[in-house]
Amino acid sequence: MKLSQFKFKLPEDKIAKYPAPYRDECRMMVLHRKTGEIEHKMFKEVLDYFDEHDVFVFNDTKVFPARLYGNKEKTGARIEVFLLRELNQELRLWDVLVDPARKIRIGNKLYFGEDNSIVAEVIDNTTSRGRTLRFLYDGDHDEFKRSLYALGEAPVPRFVGRESEPEDLERFQCIFARHEGAVTAPTAGMHFSRELMKRMEIKGIDFAYITLHCGLGNFRNTDVEDLTKHKMDSEQMIVGAECCGIVNGAKEAGHKIVAVGTTVQRALEACAGTNSRIKEFEGWTNKFIFPPYDFSIADAMLVNFHLPYSTLLMLTAAFGDYDYTMAAYEEALKEDYSFGPFGDVMLIVD
């Protein structure tokens, strides 16, 4: 497959700036991947497609307030600092992106907060925009993290087309988020409300959880036409024994497995064995899925409507059939579905 095969015209006004007022009240397109048939539903009707002991697999990663702003020493220039991950607790080392990067060199100091209560020193360059920062802070680690996060905002992607708001710390998060480490939300999971999950429980649907800390690579531009040459950023992933037991047991009993989002789909495939069962895994994955690809675990997938050329669209097309998926995207544009992390959802079933 070529990058140009994932081009389509997406008007800016089709990208949702805000989520639906209630999590489970977005629209849902249902794509039948064997026939290409399309249905138009509301997301809360998702239960109509599943039965007792079918399993929904969720990503329980938790987004932290990763975007903050500091001032450069001497010049006072405003610098955006995007926290990627903590490298060393004791030394307060963080892997970050800075913007504008040309102004930030090794040895520079950055000051954060109205009273400059947190200071960071640039100690290394990692990529063109990447830096390693050492934060200078006297308190203990928990106090430092609280102070740092209090200065940050929800890392809503820039292409959404608005500034982050305090409410986004809740909006840009799944209700079942538990394990901190993501710099973007697993967006398909954001549609689930407590009420809907209670209805799922009553119906006898089973839940399983993996943890994959979503990184900025989900939104990084793909700059090679030949997709076999594209390298995904590595993301930390944990699949525990409990998840394996639930998923493998359901597979053996002939029940459906539903991957909630592209991150779950990647995680399931990354830890799948040759016998179509998953194994415990703790480590990093850079698995890149694009058509054609034979999936071995999930029978259905929930996924948001993603942007042109994105690796998320490529994975969706691999699962939903390339031709049927691109036709469904055309239909979504005609029918005024909302795209992006706060947009509507697609359910892909057999």
Protein backbone atom coordinates (compact mmCIF):
# COMPACT_ATOMS: atom_id res chain seq x y z
CA MET A 1 0.00 0.00 0.00
CA LYS A 2 1.05 3.59 -0.68
CA LEU A 3 0.60 6.66 1.48
CA SER A 4 -1.31 8.41 -1.31
CA GLN A 5 -4.04 5.76 -1.09
CA PHE A 6 -5.10 7.26 2.25
CA LYS A 7 -5.72 10.74 0.93
CA PHE A 8 -9.16 12.32 1.17
CA LYS A 9 -10.35 15.89 1.50
CA LEU A 10 -11.35 16.69 5.08
CA PRO A 11 -12.85 20.19 5.55
CA GLU A 12 -11.74 21.79 8.82
CA ASP A 13 -15.34 22.19 9.98
CA LYS A 14 -15.72 18.38 10.01
CA ILE A 15 -13.18 18.08 12.85
CA ALA A 16 -15.10 18.18 16.15
CA LYS A 17 -13.92 20.91 18.50
CA TYR A 18 -15.86 19.48 21.45
CA PRO A 19 -17.27 16.06 22.37
CA ALA A 20 -21.01 15.29 22.48
CA PRO A 21 -22.65 16.71 25.65
CA TYR A 22 -22.99 13.16 26.98
CA ARG A 23 -20.24 10.64 26.23
CA ASP A 24 -22.49 7.93 24.80
CA GLU A 25 -24.64 10.20 22.60
CA CYS A 26 -22.37 10.60 19.60
CA ARG A 27 -23.35 9.14 16.24
CA MET A 28 -22.17 5.68 15.22
CA MET A 29 -21.66 4.35 11.71
CA VAL A 30 -21.75 0.55 11.52
CA LEU A 31 -19.63 -0.97 8.75
CA HIS A 32 -20.11 -4.65 7.88
CA ARG A 33 -16.64 -5.56 6.66
CA LYS A 34 -17.68 -8.64 4.69
CA THR A 35 -20.32 -6.91 2.57
CA GLY A 36 -19.57 -3.18 2.83
CA GLU A 37 -23.11 -2.54 4.13
CA ILE A 38 -23.40 0.65 6.21
CA GLU A 39 -25.90 1.51 8.96
CA HIS A 40 -26.38 4.82 10.78
CA LYS A 41 -26.99 4.56 14.53
CA MET A 42 -26.36 6.29 17.85
CA PHE A 43 -23.45 5.01 19.92
CA LYS A 44 -25.64 3.91 22.82
CA GLU A 45 -27.13 1.31 20.41
CA VAL A 46 -23.79 -0.52 20.30
CA LEU A 47 -25.19 -3.20 22.64
CA ASP A 48 -27.59 -4.37 19.92
CA TYR A 49 -24.64 -5.99 18.13
CA PHE A 50 -23.28 -8.08 21.01
CA ASP A 51 -24.35 -10.87 23.34
CA GLU A 52 -23.64 -12.24 26.79
CA HIS A 53 -19.95 -13.09 27.36
CA ASP A 54 -18.73 -11.18 24.35
CA VAL A 55 -15.64 -9.26 25.49
CA PHE A 56 -14.87 -5.55 25.09
CA VAL A 57 -11.13 -4.89 25.45
CA PHE A 58 -10.30 -1.37 26.70
CA ASN A 59 -7.07 0.60 27.04
CA ASP A 60 -6.90 1.89 30.62
CA THR A 61 -3.97 4.27 30.11
CA LYS A 62 -4.36 7.68 31.76
CA VAL A 63 -3.55 10.98 30.05
CA PHE A 64 -1.54 13.48 32.09
CA PRO A 65 -1.49 17.29 31.57
CA ALA A 66 1.49 17.13 29.24
CA ARG A 67 1.53 20.60 27.66
CA LEU A 68 2.97 23.50 29.67
CA TYR A 69 4.56 26.86 28.99
CA GLY A 70 7.77 28.25 30.39
CA ASN A 71 9.95 31.31 29.93
CA LYS A 72 13.54 31.18 28.77
CA GLU A 73 16.12 32.72 31.08
CA LYS A 74 17.36 36.22 30.20
CA THR A 75 15.15 36.73 27.12
CA GLY A 76 11.86 35.72 28.78
CA ALA A 77 10.73 34.12 25.48
CA ARG A 78 7.62 31.96 25.89
CA ILE A 79 8.41 28.31 25.18
CA GLU A 80 5.93 25.46 24.86
CA VAL A 81 7.18 22.30 26.57
CA PHE A 82 5.39 19.04 25.80
CA LEU A 83 6.21 16.36 28.37
CA LEU A 84 6.63 12.93 26.77
CA ARG A 85 7.83 10.70 29.60
CA GLU A 86 9.75 10.74 32.85
CA LEU A 87 13.18 9.19 32.39
CA ASN A 88 14.46 9.21 35.98
CA GLN A 89 12.42 9.99 39.11
CA GLU A 90 15.36 10.65 41.37
CA LEU A 91 17.14 13.03 38.99
CA ARG A 92 13.83 14.59 37.76
CA LEU A 93 14.80 13.89 34.13
CA TRP A 94 12.11 14.19 31.44
CA ASP A 95 12.00 13.56 27.71
CA VAL A 96 10.18 16.56 26.17
CA LEU A 97 9.47 18.41 22.94
CA VAL A 98 10.02 22.18 22.81
CA ASP A 99 8.62 24.84 20.51
CA PRO A 100 10.18 26.95 19.09
CA ALA A 101 13.09 24.50 19.20
CA ARG A 102 15.64 26.76 17.51
CA LYS A 103 15.77 28.94 20.65
CA ILE A 104 16.49 26.11 23.10
CA ARG A 105 20.05 24.83 23.49
CA ILE A 106 21.90 22.67 25.99
CA GLY A 107 22.58 24.67 29.15
CA ASN A 108 19.53 26.95 28.80
CA LYS A 109 17.22 27.27 31.78
CA LEU A 110 13.42 27.47 31.61
CA TYR A 111 11.19 28.94 34.33
CA PHE A 112 7.64 27.73 34.99
CA GLY A 113 4.76 29.16 37.01
CA GLU A 114 3.86 32.76 37.82
CA ASP A 115 6.43 32.77 40.62
CA ASN A 116 9.02 30.76 38.63
CA SER A 117 8.63 28.04 41.28
CA ILE A 118 9.87 25.30 38.95
CA VAL A 119 13.10 25.58 36.98
CA ALA A 120 14.41 23.17 34.36
CA GLU A 121 17.80 22.93 32.69
CA VAL A 122 18.28 21.58 29.16
CA ILE A 123 20.89 18.82 29.38
CA ASP A 124 20.59 17.08 25.99
CA ASN A 125 19.19 17.23 22.46
CA THR A 126 17.33 14.09 21.36
CA THR A 127 15.64 14.97 18.04
CA SER A 128 15.09 18.20 16.11
CA ARG A 129 12.46 19.30 18.65
CA GLY A 130 13.32 16.83 21.40
CA ARG A 131 15.23 17.74 24.56
CA THR A 132 16.07 16.15 27.89
CA LEU A 133 15.22 18.44 30.81
CA ARG A 134 16.40 18.19 34.41
CA PHE A 135 13.91 19.84 36.71
CA LEU A 136 15.38 21.57 39.75
CA TYR A 137 12.94 21.09 42.64
CA ASP A 138 13.54 20.66 46.36
CA GLY A 139 10.39 18.76 47.45
CA ASP A 140 9.77 15.01 47.27
CA HIS A 141 8.79 13.33 44.02
CA ASP A 142 5.02 13.26 44.60
CA GLU A 143 5.01 16.95 45.53
CA PHE A 144 7.09 17.73 42.41
CA LYS A 145 4.68 15.84 40.12
CA ARG A 146 1.67 17.60 41.66
CA SER A 147 3.32 21.00 41.20
CA LEU A 148 4.40 20.21 37.62
CA TYR A 149 0.99 18.88 36.56
CA ALA A 150 -0.76 21.87 38.15
CA LEU A 151 1.05 24.02 35.55
CA GLY A 152 0.07 21.77 32.64
CA GLU A 153 -2.98 21.50 30.40
CA ALA A 154 -4.70 18.63 28.62
CA PRO A 155 -2.70 17.69 25.49
CA VAL A 156 -5.58 18.14 23.04
CA PRO A 157 -4.08 17.90 19.51
CA ARG A 158 -3.52 21.23 17.75
CA PHE A 159 -5.52 20.14 14.69
CA VAL A 160 -8.71 20.27 16.79
CA GLY A 161 -8.43 24.00 16.17
CA ARG A 162 -8.86 25.55 19.60
CA GLU A 163 -6.93 26.22 22.79
CA SER A 164 -7.08 23.70 25.63
CA GLU A 165 -9.63 24.43 28.38
CA PRO A 166 -9.63 23.29 32.04
CA GLU A 167 -12.60 20.98 31.29
CA ASP A 168 -10.45 19.09 28.79
CA LEU A 169 -8.60 17.39 31.65
CA GLU A 170 -11.82 15.39 32.13
CA ARG A 171 -13.12 15.39 28.53
CA PHE A 172 -9.85 14.08 27.05
CA GLN A 173 -9.83 11.01 29.30
CA CYS A 174 -11.65 7.68 29.47
CA ILE A 175 -13.76 7.11 32.58
CA PHE A 176 -11.86 3.84 33.27
CA ALA A 177 -8.38 5.42 32.92
CA ARG A 178 -6.10 4.07 35.65
CA HIS A 179 -2.42 3.90 34.69
CA GLU A 180 -0.78 7.25 34.01
CA GLY A 181 1.52 7.60 31.04
CA ALA A 182 -0.35 8.69 27.89
CA VAL A 183 0.12 12.01 26.10
CA THR A 184 -3.00 11.48 24.02
CA ALA A 185 -6.21 9.65 24.84
CA PRO A 186 -7.29 6.30 23.37
CA THR A 187 -10.19 8.18 21.80
CA ALA A 188 -12.61 5.34 20.99
CA GLY A 189 -12.79 4.62 24.73
CA MET A 190 -13.89 8.19 25.49
CA HIS A 191 -17.44 7.41 24.25
CA PHE A 192 -18.19 5.03 27.14
CA SER A 193 -20.24 6.47 29.99
CA ARG A 194 -20.81 4.91 33.41
CA GLU A 195 -24.46 4.34 32.47
CA LEU A 196 -23.57 2.51 29.26
CA MET A 197 -20.99 0.33 31.01
CA LYS A 198 -23.59 -0.56 33.65
CA ARG A 199 -26.03 -1.59 30.88
CA MET A 200 -23.25 -3.69 29.34
CA GLU A 201 -22.68 -5.42 32.68
CA ILE A 202 -26.41 -6.13 33.04
CA LYS A 203 -26.43 -7.68 29.56
CA GLY A 204 -23.52 -9.94 30.60
CA ILE A 205 -20.82 -8.35 28.45
CA ASP A 206 -17.34 -9.01 29.85
CA PHE A 207 -14.57 -6.40 30.10
CA ALA A 208 -10.80 -6.82 29.72
CA TYR A 209 -8.11 -4.16 30.00
CA ILE A 210 -4.72 -3.66 28.43
CA THR A 211 -2.44 -0.67 29.04
CA LEU A 212 -0.77 1.03 26.10
CA HIS A 213 0.58 4.50 26.80
CA CYS A 214 -0.42 6.40 23.64
CA GLY A 215 2.35 8.62 22.33
CA LEU A 216 2.52 11.52 19.89
CA GLY A 217 3.47 9.07 17.15
CA ASN A 218 -0.28 8.55 16.64
CA PHE A 219 -0.37 12.04 15.10
CA ARG A 220 3.06 12.17 13.52
CA ASN A 221 3.10 12.70 9.76
CA THR A 222 3.95 9.69 7.63
CA ASP A 223 6.55 10.99 5.21
CA VAL A 224 7.26 7.94 3.03
CA GLU A 225 5.09 6.88 0.09
CA ASP A 226 6.08 3.21 0.54
CA LEU A 227 4.41 2.25 3.83
CA THR A 228 6.77 -0.68 4.40
CA LYS A 229 9.47 1.92 5.09
CA HIS A 230 7.51 3.81 7.77
CA LYS A 231 8.76 3.40 11.36
CA MET A 232 6.27 3.77 14.20
CA ASP A 233 7.34 5.35 17.49
CA SER A 234 7.64 2.80 20.29
CA GLU A 235 4.99 2.87 23.01
CA GLN A 236 5.00 1.16 26.40
CA MET A 237 2.49 -1.66 26.70
CA ILE A 238 1.31 -4.08 29.41
CA VAL A 239 -0.99 -7.06 28.88
CA GLY A 240 -1.56 -8.96 32.12
CA ALA A 241 -2.63 -12.50 33.00
CA GLU A 242 -6.21 -11.46 33.81
CA CYS A 243 -6.72 -9.92 30.36
CA CYS A 244 -5.23 -13.01 28.69
CA GLY A 245 -7.54 -15.30 30.66
CA ILE A 246 -10.68 -13.34 29.74
CA VAL A 247 -9.82 -12.94 26.04
CA ASN A 248 -8.52 -16.47 25.48
CA GLY A 249 -11.44 -18.01 27.38
CA ALA A 250 -13.93 -16.08 25.25
CA LYS A 251 -12.13 -17.11 22.04
CA GLU A 252 -12.28 -20.77 23.05
CA ALA A 253 -15.99 -20.48 23.87
CA GLY A 254 -16.77 -18.86 20.50
CA HIS A 255 -17.63 -15.39 21.83
CA LYS A 256 -16.74 -12.13 20.09
CA ILE A 257 -13.76 -9.97 21.00
CA VAL A 258 -14.24 -6.21 20.48
CA ALA A 259 -11.13 -4.03 20.24
CA VAL A 260 -12.01 -0.57 21.58
CA GLY A 261 -9.74 1.61 19.46
CA THR A 262 -6.63 1.27 17.36
CA THR A 263 -4.32 1.08 20.40
CA VAL A 264 -6.14 -2.00 21.70
CA GLN A 265 -6.07 -3.57 18.24
CA ARG A 266 -2.30 -3.03 17.99
CA ALA A 267 -1.72 -4.36 21.51
CA LEU A 268 -3.75 -7.53 20.88
CA GLU A 269 -1.86 -8.23 17.66
CA ALA A 270 1.50 -7.44 19.27
CA CYS A 271 0.99 -10.14 21.91
CA ALA A 272 -0.88 -12.68 19.76
CA GLY A 273 0.58 -16.14 19.31
CA THR A 274 0.30 -18.40 16.27
CA ASN A 275 -2.68 -20.16 17.89
CA SER A 276 -4.86 -16.97 17.87
CA ARG A 277 -4.46 -16.57 21.62
CA ILE A 278 -2.75 -13.71 23.45
CA LYS A 279 0.19 -13.96 25.83
CA GLU A 280 1.26 -11.78 28.76
CA PHE A 281 3.49 -8.93 27.67
CA GLU A 282 5.31 -6.07 29.34
CA GLY A 283 7.59 -3.89 27.24
CA TRP A 284 7.51 -1.67 24.18
CA THR A 285 5.86 -2.06 20.81
CA ASN A 286 6.28 -0.23 17.51
CA LYS A 287 3.91 -2.49 15.58
CA PHE A 288 2.60 -0.81 12.44
CA ILE A 289 -0.55 -2.30 10.90
CA PHE A 290 -1.67 -1.38 7.39
CA PRO A 291 -3.49 -3.29 4.61
CA PRO A 292 -3.32 -6.11 3.82
CA TYR A 293 -3.14 -7.67 7.30
CA ASP A 294 -4.68 -10.83 8.81
CA PHE A 295 -6.03 -10.12 12.28
CA SER A 296 -6.02 -13.04 14.68
CA ILE A 297 -7.85 -11.85 17.81
CA ALA A 298 -10.59 -9.19 17.41
CA ASP A 299 -13.90 -9.90 15.68
CA ALA A 300 -15.07 -6.27 15.84
CA MET A 301 -13.55 -2.85 16.43
CA LEU A 302 -14.75 0.54 17.61
CA VAL A 303 -12.78 3.44 16.18
CA ASN A 304 -13.13 7.20 15.69
CA PHE A 305 -13.03 8.81 12.25
CA HIS A 306 -9.38 9.70 11.70
CA LEU A 307 -7.49 12.18 9.56
CA PRO A 308 -6.15 11.63 6.02
CA TYR A 309 -2.76 9.90 5.76
CA SER A 310 -2.85 8.88 9.45
CA THR A 311 -1.55 5.52 10.67
CA LEU A 312 -4.84 5.23 12.58
CA LEU A 313 -6.79 5.32 9.31
CA MET A 314 -4.40 2.73 7.85
CA LEU A 315 -5.07 0.31 10.70
CA THR A 316 -8.83 0.92 10.38
CA ALA A 317 -8.67 0.12 6.66
CA ALA A 318 -6.66 -3.03 7.36
CA PHE A 319 -9.43 -4.30 9.65
CA GLY A 320 -12.47 -2.99 7.78
CA ASP A 321 -11.25 -3.76 4.23
CA TYR A 322 -9.53 -0.92 2.36
CA ASP A 323 -12.24 -0.31 -0.26
CA TYR A 324 -15.14 -0.59 2.19
CA THR A 325 -13.41 1.66 4.75
CA MET A 326 -12.62 4.43 2.26
CA ALA A 327 -16.18 4.23 0.92
CA ALA A 328 -17.46 4.49 4.51
CA TYR A 329 -15.32 7.61 5.03
CA GLU A 330 -16.86 9.15 1.90
CA GLU A 331 -20.28 8.36 3.30
CA ALA A 332 -19.31 9.86 6.67
CA LEU A 333 -18.36 13.14 4.99
CA LYS A 334 -21.63 13.20 3.02
CA GLU A 335 -23.67 12.41 6.15
CA ASP A 336 -21.88 15.07 8.22
CA TYR A 337 -20.19 12.80 10.75
CA SER A 338 -17.64 14.47 13.04
CA PHE A 339 -13.95 13.54 12.74
CA GLY A 340 -11.03 13.57 15.18
CA PRO A 341 -10.62 12.70 18.88
CA PHE A 342 -13.86 14.43 19.92
CA GLY A 343 -15.82 13.18 16.91
CA ASP A 344 -18.19 10.32 16.12
CA VAL A 345 -17.44 6.61 16.10
CA MET A 346 -17.41 3.71 13.65
CA LEU A 347 -18.24 0.13 14.65
CA ILE A 348 -16.72 -2.45 12.31
CA VAL A 349 -18.32 -5.89 12.47
CA ASP A 350 -18.39 -8.98 10.24
